[in-house]
Amino acid sequence: MRYNHEGVKKEKNKLCNICGRGFAANRTLTNHLRTHSGSRPHACSHCGAQFAQRTCMLAHVKRVHADTRRR
């Protein structure tokens, strides 16, 4: 409730061991670490394009393969 209604920011205590940037959630830190490693574990099932984050892959499928999904 404090984060949503009172404007209190979550503590960014999960730190990147490479650049020192802080994050409030472990998932966000994990996604950030992929920028340093170049890892792209999420692949498009239609064209094989690879993405660091699942949300980016899903947006790609929705945007690029919209006609393919309808069939």
C-alpha atoms as a PDB file:
ATOM      1  CA  MET A   1       0.000   0.000   0.000  1.00  0.00           C
ATOM      2  CA  ARG A   2       2.807   2.412   0.810  1.00  0.00           C
ATOM      3  CA  TYR A   3       4.442   1.906  -2.612  1.00  0.00           C
ATOM      4  CA  ASN A   4       1.216   2.415  -4.577  1.00  0.00           C
ATOM      5  CA  HIS A   5      -0.637   5.051  -2.594  1.00  0.00           C
ATOM      6  CA  GLU A   6       1.918   7.016  -0.612  1.00  0.00           C
ATOM      7  CA  GLY A   7       4.611   7.335  -3.273  1.00  0.00           C
ATOM      8  CA  VAL A   8       7.265   5.525  -1.232  1.00  0.00           C
ATOM      9  CA  LYS A   9       9.941   4.099  -3.533  1.00  0.00           C
ATOM     10  CA  LYS A  10      11.071   0.504  -3.119  1.00  0.00           C
ATOM     11  CA  GLU A  11      14.641   0.125  -1.888  1.00  0.00           C
ATOM     12  CA  LYS A  12      17.039  -0.756  -4.708  1.00  0.00           C
ATOM     13  CA  ASN A  13      19.214  -3.107  -2.695  1.00  0.00           C
ATOM     14  CA  LYS A  14      19.829  -5.756  -5.382  1.00  0.00           C
ATOM     15  CA  LEU A  15      23.091  -4.549  -6.934  1.00  0.00           C
ATOM     16  CA  CYS A  16      24.705  -5.486 -10.228  1.00  0.00           C
ATOM     17  CA  ASN A  17      28.160  -6.882  -9.481  1.00  0.00           C
ATOM     18  CA  ILE A  18      29.456  -5.516 -12.809  1.00  0.00           C
ATOM     19  CA  CYS A  19      28.300  -1.881 -12.941  1.00  0.00           C
ATOM     20  CA  GLY A  20      26.858  -1.321  -9.456  1.00  0.00           C
ATOM     21  CA  ARG A  21      23.384  -0.294 -10.594  1.00  0.00           C
ATOM     22  CA  GLY A  22      20.645  -1.063  -8.039  1.00  0.00           C
ATOM     23  CA  PHE A  23      17.285  -2.771  -8.540  1.00  0.00           C
ATOM     24  CA  ALA A  24      14.264  -3.359  -6.323  1.00  0.00           C
ATOM     25  CA  ALA A  25      13.448  -6.838  -7.698  1.00  0.00           C
ATOM     26  CA  ASN A  26      15.594  -9.888  -8.396  1.00  0.00           C
ATOM     27  CA  ARG A  27      13.851 -10.424 -11.761  1.00  0.00           C
ATOM     28  CA  THR A  28      14.834  -6.927 -12.888  1.00  0.00           C
ATOM     29  CA  LEU A  29      18.432  -7.528 -11.843  1.00  0.00           C
ATOM     30  CA  THR A  30      18.465 -10.834 -13.750  1.00  0.00           C
ATOM     31  CA  ASN A  31      17.174  -9.097 -16.888  1.00  0.00           C
ATOM     32  CA  HIS A  32      19.779  -6.343 -16.452  1.00  0.00           C
ATOM     33  CA  LEU A  33      22.634  -8.841 -16.120  1.00  0.00           C
ATOM     34  CA  ARG A  34      21.775 -10.109 -19.598  1.00  0.00           C
ATOM     35  CA  THR A  35      22.844  -6.718 -20.979  1.00  0.00           C
ATOM     36  CA  HIS A  36      26.362  -7.464 -19.773  1.00  0.00           C
ATOM     37  CA  SER A  37      26.510 -11.120 -20.826  1.00  0.00           C
ATOM     38  CA  GLY A  38      24.712 -10.768 -24.164  1.00  0.00           C
ATOM     39  CA  SER A  39      22.504 -13.747 -23.293  1.00  0.00           C
ATOM     40  CA  ARG A  40      19.290 -13.978 -25.333  1.00  0.00           C
ATOM     41  CA  PRO A  41      17.396 -17.022 -24.013  1.00  0.00           C
ATOM     42  CA  HIS A  42      13.976 -16.217 -25.517  1.00  0.00           C
ATOM     43  CA  ALA A  43      13.572 -17.198 -29.175  1.00  0.00           C
ATOM     44  CA  CYS A  44      10.677 -16.456 -31.516  1.00  0.00           C
ATOM     45  CA  SER A  45       9.016 -19.690 -32.602  1.00  0.00           C
ATOM     46  CA  HIS A  46       8.171 -18.177 -36.003  1.00  0.00           C
ATOM     47  CA  CYS A  47      11.498 -16.747 -37.193  1.00  0.00           C
ATOM     48  CA  GLY A  48      14.081 -17.666 -34.568  1.00  0.00           C
ATOM     49  CA  ALA A  49      14.884 -14.076 -33.545  1.00  0.00           C
ATOM     50  CA  GLN A  50      16.326 -14.047 -30.030  1.00  0.00           C
ATOM     51  CA  PHE A  51      15.569 -11.704 -27.156  1.00  0.00           C
ATOM     52  CA  ALA A  52      16.955 -11.053 -23.689  1.00  0.00           C
ATOM     53  CA  GLN A  53      13.510 -10.579 -22.164  1.00  0.00           C
ATOM     54  CA  ARG A  54      10.343 -12.600 -22.652  1.00  0.00           C
ATOM     55  CA  THR A  55       8.210  -9.458 -22.875  1.00  0.00           C
ATOM     56  CA  CYS A  56      10.295  -8.203 -25.802  1.00  0.00           C
ATOM     57  CA  MET A  57       9.869 -11.530 -27.592  1.00  0.00           C
ATOM     58  CA  LEU A  58       6.089 -11.452 -27.043  1.00  0.00           C
ATOM     59  CA  ALA A  59       5.893  -7.872 -28.348  1.00  0.00           C
ATOM     60  CA  HIS A  60       7.892  -8.954 -31.423  1.00  0.00           C
ATOM     61  CA  VAL A  61       5.501 -11.839 -32.112  1.00  0.00           C
ATOM     62  CA  LYS A  62       2.496  -9.560 -31.715  1.00  0.00           C
ATOM     63  CA  ARG A  63       3.948  -6.829 -33.931  1.00  0.00           C
ATOM     64  CA  VAL A  64       5.766  -8.800 -36.635  1.00  0.00           C
ATOM     65  CA  HIS A  65       3.842 -12.057 -36.814  1.00  0.00           C
ATOM     66  CA  ALA A  66       0.291 -10.809 -36.188  1.00  0.00           C
ATOM     67  CA  ASP A  67      -1.023 -12.471 -39.368  1.00  0.00           C
ATOM     68  CA  THR A  68       0.743 -15.751 -38.597  1.00  0.00           C
ATOM     69  CA  ARG A  69      -0.787 -15.944 -35.096  1.00  0.00           C
ATOM     70  CA  ARG A  70      -4.354 -15.686 -36.430  1.00  0.00           C
ATOM     71  CA  ARG A  71      -4.066 -18.801 -38.601  1.00  0.00           C
END
